[in-house]
């Protein structure tokens, strides 16, 4: 029984480490610099749009990197800036508008 418990603890520790590694690799997959264009994840429902596609808004411009995972972004020069976690940002490419 003790061998089984020890084995389960090792499996749990291994699985836990893998989950943590995957989470952080996705959380910090992209880094942005001032001036970069990004999509911003905003999960609000809008009529007439596919639920899969309506969650991303853009393009936003990165105004400032506040720390490793928090950025200030702005939709246009006269719009109010937003402070957003990196997990809610994705790189924007000019060709993305047809797919999102």
N, C-alpha and C. Protein backbone atom coordinates (compact mmCIF):
# COMPACT_ATOMS: atom_id res chain seq x y z
N UNK A 1 0.82 -1.20 0.00
CA UNK A 1 0.00 0.00 0.00
C UNK A 1 0.87 1.27 0.00
N UNK A 2 1.96 1.22 0.78
CA UNK A 2 2.86 2.38 0.84
C UNK A 2 3.51 2.66 -0.52
N UNK A 3 3.85 1.59 -1.24
CA UNK A 3 4.43 1.76 -2.57
C UNK A 3 3.43 2.41 -3.52
N UNK A 4 2.19 2.01 -3.41
CA UNK A 4 1.15 2.59 -4.25
C UNK A 4 0.98 4.07 -3.94
N UNK A 5 0.94 4.42 -2.65
CA UNK A 5 0.81 5.84 -2.26
C UNK A 5 1.99 6.65 -2.77
N UNK A 6 3.20 6.11 -2.61
CA UNK A 6 4.40 6.83 -3.08
C UNK A 6 4.35 7.01 -4.60
N UNK A 7 3.90 5.96 -5.30
CA UNK A 7 3.79 6.06 -6.76
C UNK A 7 2.76 7.10 -7.17
N UNK A 8 1.63 7.14 -6.50
CA UNK A 8 0.60 8.13 -6.81
C UNK A 8 1.09 9.55 -6.53
N UNK A 9 1.84 9.71 -5.45
CA UNK A 9 2.40 11.04 -5.14
C UNK A 9 3.35 11.50 -6.24
N UNK A 10 4.19 10.58 -6.75
CA UNK A 10 5.12 10.94 -7.83
C UNK A 10 4.36 11.31 -9.10
N UNK A 11 3.34 10.54 -9.42
CA UNK A 11 2.53 10.83 -10.62
C UNK A 11 1.85 12.18 -10.46
N UNK A 12 1.28 12.45 -9.30
CA UNK A 12 0.61 13.72 -9.05
C UNK A 12 1.60 14.88 -9.17
N UNK A 13 2.78 14.74 -8.58
CA UNK A 13 3.80 15.81 -8.64
C UNK A 13 4.21 16.06 -10.09
N UNK A 14 4.40 14.98 -10.86
CA UNK A 14 4.79 15.11 -12.26
C UNK A 14 3.69 15.82 -13.07
N UNK A 15 2.45 15.38 -12.89
CA UNK A 15 1.32 15.98 -13.61
C UNK A 15 1.17 17.45 -13.23
N UNK A 16 1.33 17.75 -11.98
CA UNK A 16 1.21 19.13 -11.49
C UNK A 16 2.27 20.02 -12.14
N UNK A 17 3.51 19.53 -12.20
CA UNK A 17 4.59 20.31 -12.83
C UNK A 17 4.32 20.52 -14.31
N UNK A 18 3.84 19.49 -15.00
CA UNK A 18 3.53 19.63 -16.43
C UNK A 18 2.44 20.65 -16.66
N UNK A 19 1.39 20.63 -15.82
CA UNK A 19 0.30 21.59 -15.96
C UNK A 19 0.81 23.01 -15.73
N UNK A 20 1.65 23.18 -14.73
CA UNK A 20 2.21 24.50 -14.44
C UNK A 20 3.07 24.99 -15.60
N UNK A 21 3.90 24.11 -16.13
CA UNK A 21 4.76 24.48 -17.26
C UNK A 21 3.93 24.87 -18.47
N UNK A 22 2.89 24.09 -18.79
CA UNK A 22 2.02 24.42 -19.93
C UNK A 22 1.32 25.75 -19.72
N UNK A 23 0.82 26.00 -18.50
CA UNK A 23 0.13 27.25 -18.22
C UNK A 23 1.06 28.43 -18.45
N UNK A 24 2.26 28.38 -17.88
CA UNK A 24 3.16 29.51 -18.00
C UNK A 24 3.69 29.66 -19.42
N UNK A 25 3.84 28.57 -20.16
CA UNK A 25 4.30 28.72 -21.54
C UNK A 25 3.23 29.41 -22.38
N UNK A 26 1.94 29.12 -22.10
CA UNK A 26 0.87 29.80 -22.84
C UNK A 26 0.71 31.23 -22.35
N UNK A 27 0.86 31.45 -21.06
CA UNK A 27 0.65 32.78 -20.49
C UNK A 27 1.70 33.77 -20.99
N UNK A 28 2.90 33.28 -21.26
CA UNK A 28 3.97 34.17 -21.67
C UNK A 28 4.48 33.83 -23.07
N UNK A 29 3.59 33.33 -23.90
CA UNK A 29 3.95 32.93 -25.25
C UNK A 29 4.36 34.13 -26.10
N UNK A 30 3.76 35.28 -25.86
CA UNK A 30 4.05 36.46 -26.64
C UNK A 30 4.51 37.59 -25.73
N UNK A 31 5.42 38.37 -26.24
CA UNK A 31 5.81 39.61 -25.57
C UNK A 31 5.60 40.71 -26.57
N UNK A 32 5.21 41.86 -26.10
CA UNK A 32 4.91 42.97 -26.99
C UNK A 32 5.77 44.16 -26.60
N UNK A 33 5.97 45.05 -27.58
CA UNK A 33 6.70 46.28 -27.30
C UNK A 33 5.82 47.46 -27.71
N UNK A 34 6.18 48.64 -27.24
CA UNK A 34 5.40 49.83 -27.57
C UNK A 34 5.26 49.97 -29.08
N UNK A 35 4.03 50.27 -29.51
CA UNK A 35 3.76 50.43 -30.94
C UNK A 35 3.23 49.18 -31.61
N UNK A 36 3.38 48.00 -30.98
CA UNK A 36 2.86 46.77 -31.57
C UNK A 36 1.33 46.81 -31.64
N UNK A 37 0.78 46.21 -32.69
CA UNK A 37 -0.67 46.07 -32.80
C UNK A 37 -1.08 44.72 -32.22
N UNK A 38 -2.17 44.72 -31.47
CA UNK A 38 -2.63 43.50 -30.81
C UNK A 38 -4.14 43.37 -30.89
N UNK A 39 -4.63 42.13 -30.78
CA UNK A 39 -6.03 41.85 -30.55
C UNK A 39 -6.24 41.84 -29.04
N UNK A 40 -7.40 42.27 -28.58
CA UNK A 40 -7.72 42.21 -27.16
C UNK A 40 -8.93 41.31 -26.97
N UNK A 41 -8.80 40.34 -26.06
CA UNK A 41 -9.90 39.42 -25.75
C UNK A 41 -10.90 40.14 -24.87
N UNK A 42 -12.16 40.19 -25.31
CA UNK A 42 -13.23 40.84 -24.56
C UNK A 42 -14.49 39.98 -24.71
N UNK A 43 -14.74 39.06 -23.76
CA UNK A 43 -15.80 38.07 -23.94
C UNK A 43 -17.21 38.60 -23.68
N UNK A 44 -17.63 39.62 -24.42
CA UNK A 44 -19.02 40.06 -24.29
C UNK A 44 -19.79 39.63 -25.53
N UNK A 45 -21.04 39.32 -25.34
CA UNK A 45 -21.87 38.81 -26.44
C UNK A 45 -22.45 39.97 -27.25
N UNK A 46 -22.41 39.82 -28.57
CA UNK A 46 -23.01 40.81 -29.46
C UNK A 46 -23.91 40.09 -30.44
N UNK A 47 -25.06 40.66 -30.71
CA UNK A 47 -26.01 40.05 -31.65
C UNK A 47 -25.43 40.00 -33.06
N UNK A 48 -25.75 38.93 -33.76
CA UNK A 48 -25.39 38.85 -35.17
C UNK A 48 -23.98 38.39 -35.45
N UNK A 49 -23.17 38.14 -34.43
CA UNK A 49 -21.81 37.68 -34.66
C UNK A 49 -21.62 36.29 -34.09
N UNK A 50 -20.80 35.49 -34.74
CA UNK A 50 -20.49 34.16 -34.23
C UNK A 50 -19.83 34.28 -32.87
N UNK A 51 -20.26 33.49 -31.88
CA UNK A 51 -19.65 33.56 -30.54
C UNK A 51 -18.15 33.32 -30.56
N UNK A 52 -17.65 32.48 -31.48
CA UNK A 52 -16.22 32.22 -31.56
C UNK A 52 -15.44 33.46 -31.98
N UNK A 53 -16.02 34.23 -32.86
CA UNK A 53 -15.29 35.36 -33.45
C UNK A 53 -15.50 36.67 -32.71
N UNK A 54 -16.53 36.79 -31.94
CA UNK A 54 -16.85 38.09 -31.38
C UNK A 54 -16.05 38.44 -30.13
N UNK A 55 -15.25 37.52 -29.63
CA UNK A 55 -14.53 37.78 -28.39
C UNK A 55 -13.24 38.58 -28.56
N UNK A 56 -12.78 38.76 -29.76
CA UNK A 56 -11.52 39.47 -30.00
C UNK A 56 -11.80 40.81 -30.67
N UNK A 57 -11.23 41.87 -30.10
CA UNK A 57 -11.40 43.22 -30.65
C UNK A 57 -10.03 43.74 -31.08
N UNK A 58 -10.02 44.52 -32.13
CA UNK A 58 -8.74 45.10 -32.52
C UNK A 58 -8.89 45.92 -33.77
N UNK A 59 -7.88 46.53 -34.11
CA UNK A 59 -6.58 46.45 -33.50
C UNK A 59 -6.41 47.51 -32.40
N UNK A 60 -5.62 47.13 -31.39
CA UNK A 60 -5.20 48.03 -30.34
C UNK A 60 -3.70 48.23 -30.49
N UNK A 61 -3.20 49.36 -30.02
CA UNK A 61 -1.77 49.64 -30.05
C UNK A 61 -1.24 49.55 -28.63
N UNK A 62 -0.11 48.86 -28.46
CA UNK A 62 0.54 48.81 -27.15
C UNK A 62 1.15 50.19 -26.88
N UNK A 63 0.67 50.82 -25.82
CA UNK A 63 1.16 52.15 -25.44
C UNK A 63 2.37 52.02 -24.52
N UNK A 64 2.27 51.07 -23.57
CA UNK A 64 3.36 50.92 -22.61
C UNK A 64 3.31 49.54 -21.98
N UNK A 65 4.48 48.96 -21.76
CA UNK A 65 4.59 47.71 -21.02
C UNK A 65 4.76 48.09 -19.56
N UNK A 66 3.79 47.76 -18.72
CA UNK A 66 3.83 48.16 -17.31
C UNK A 66 4.67 47.20 -16.48
N UNK A 67 4.63 45.92 -16.79
CA UNK A 67 5.54 44.92 -16.21
C UNK A 67 5.56 43.73 -17.16
N UNK A 68 6.06 42.59 -16.74
CA UNK A 68 6.21 41.45 -17.65
C UNK A 68 4.90 40.94 -18.21
N UNK A 69 3.78 41.13 -17.50
CA UNK A 69 2.52 40.55 -17.95
C UNK A 69 1.37 41.54 -18.06
N UNK A 70 1.61 42.82 -17.82
CA UNK A 70 0.55 43.83 -17.88
C UNK A 70 0.96 44.94 -18.84
N UNK A 71 0.01 45.27 -19.75
CA UNK A 71 0.27 46.28 -20.77
C UNK A 71 -0.83 47.33 -20.77
N UNK A 72 -0.48 48.53 -21.20
CA UNK A 72 -1.49 49.57 -21.46
C UNK A 72 -1.67 49.61 -22.98
N UNK A 73 -2.93 49.46 -23.43
CA UNK A 73 -3.23 49.47 -24.86
C UNK A 73 -4.29 50.53 -25.13
N UNK A 74 -4.35 50.96 -26.40
CA UNK A 74 -5.29 52.02 -26.78
C UNK A 74 -5.80 51.74 -28.19
N UNK A 75 -7.10 51.90 -28.38
CA UNK A 75 -7.73 51.61 -29.68
C UNK A 75 -7.39 52.69 -30.71
N UNK A 76 -7.43 53.96 -30.29
CA UNK A 76 -7.06 55.07 -31.17
C UNK A 76 -6.47 56.18 -30.30
N UNK A 77 -5.91 57.19 -30.92
CA UNK A 77 -5.23 58.23 -30.16
C UNK A 77 -6.16 59.01 -29.23
N UNK A 78 -7.45 59.08 -29.54
CA UNK A 78 -8.37 59.81 -28.67
C UNK A 78 -9.20 58.89 -27.77
N UNK A 79 -8.96 57.57 -27.82
CA UNK A 79 -9.67 56.61 -26.96
C UNK A 79 -8.98 56.50 -25.61
N UNK A 80 -9.75 56.12 -24.60
CA UNK A 80 -9.20 55.94 -23.26
C UNK A 80 -8.33 54.67 -23.24
N UNK A 81 -7.08 54.76 -22.74
CA UNK A 81 -6.22 53.57 -22.67
C UNK A 81 -6.80 52.54 -21.69
N UNK A 82 -6.47 51.26 -21.93
CA UNK A 82 -6.91 50.17 -21.06
C UNK A 82 -5.67 49.43 -20.56
N UNK A 83 -5.72 48.98 -19.32
CA UNK A 83 -4.64 48.17 -18.76
C UNK A 83 -5.10 46.72 -18.82
N UNK A 84 -4.32 45.87 -19.53
CA UNK A 84 -4.74 44.51 -19.86
C UNK A 84 -3.62 43.51 -19.56
N UNK A 85 -4.00 42.35 -19.01
CA UNK A 85 -3.05 41.26 -18.77
C UNK A 85 -2.67 40.62 -20.11
N UNK A 86 -1.46 40.16 -20.22
CA UNK A 86 -0.95 39.58 -21.47
C UNK A 86 -1.80 38.39 -21.95
N UNK A 87 -2.44 37.67 -21.03
CA UNK A 87 -3.27 36.53 -21.44
C UNK A 87 -4.46 36.96 -22.29
N UNK A 88 -4.83 38.24 -22.23
CA UNK A 88 -5.97 38.73 -23.02
C UNK A 88 -5.51 39.44 -24.28
N UNK A 89 -4.24 39.31 -24.66
CA UNK A 89 -3.71 39.94 -25.86
C UNK A 89 -3.16 38.88 -26.81
N UNK A 90 -3.27 39.17 -28.09
CA UNK A 90 -2.71 38.29 -29.12
C UNK A 90 -2.13 39.17 -30.22
N UNK A 91 -1.08 38.71 -30.89
CA UNK A 91 -0.48 39.52 -31.97
C UNK A 91 -1.50 39.78 -33.08
N UNK A 92 -1.46 40.98 -33.62
CA UNK A 92 -2.35 41.38 -34.71
C UNK A 92 -1.54 41.43 -35.99
N UNK A 93 -2.07 40.82 -37.02
CA UNK A 93 -1.45 40.92 -38.35
C UNK A 93 -2.49 41.47 -39.30
N UNK A 94 -2.07 42.19 -40.28
CA UNK A 94 -2.98 42.86 -41.21
C UNK A 94 -3.95 41.88 -41.85
N UNK A 95 -3.52 40.64 -42.06
CA UNK A 95 -4.39 39.66 -42.71
C UNK A 95 -5.38 39.03 -41.75
N UNK A 96 -5.25 39.29 -40.43
CA UNK A 96 -6.13 38.67 -39.43
C UNK A 96 -7.59 39.13 -39.55
N UNK A 97 -7.84 40.31 -40.08
CA UNK A 97 -9.20 40.82 -40.08
C UNK A 97 -10.17 39.91 -40.81
N UNK A 98 -9.68 39.13 -41.75
CA UNK A 98 -10.60 38.24 -42.47
C UNK A 98 -10.88 36.95 -41.71
N UNK A 99 -10.01 36.62 -40.72
CA UNK A 99 -10.22 35.37 -40.01
C UNK A 99 -10.82 35.56 -38.62
N UNK A 100 -10.86 36.77 -38.10
CA UNK A 100 -11.42 36.97 -36.76
C UNK A 100 -12.66 37.76 -36.83
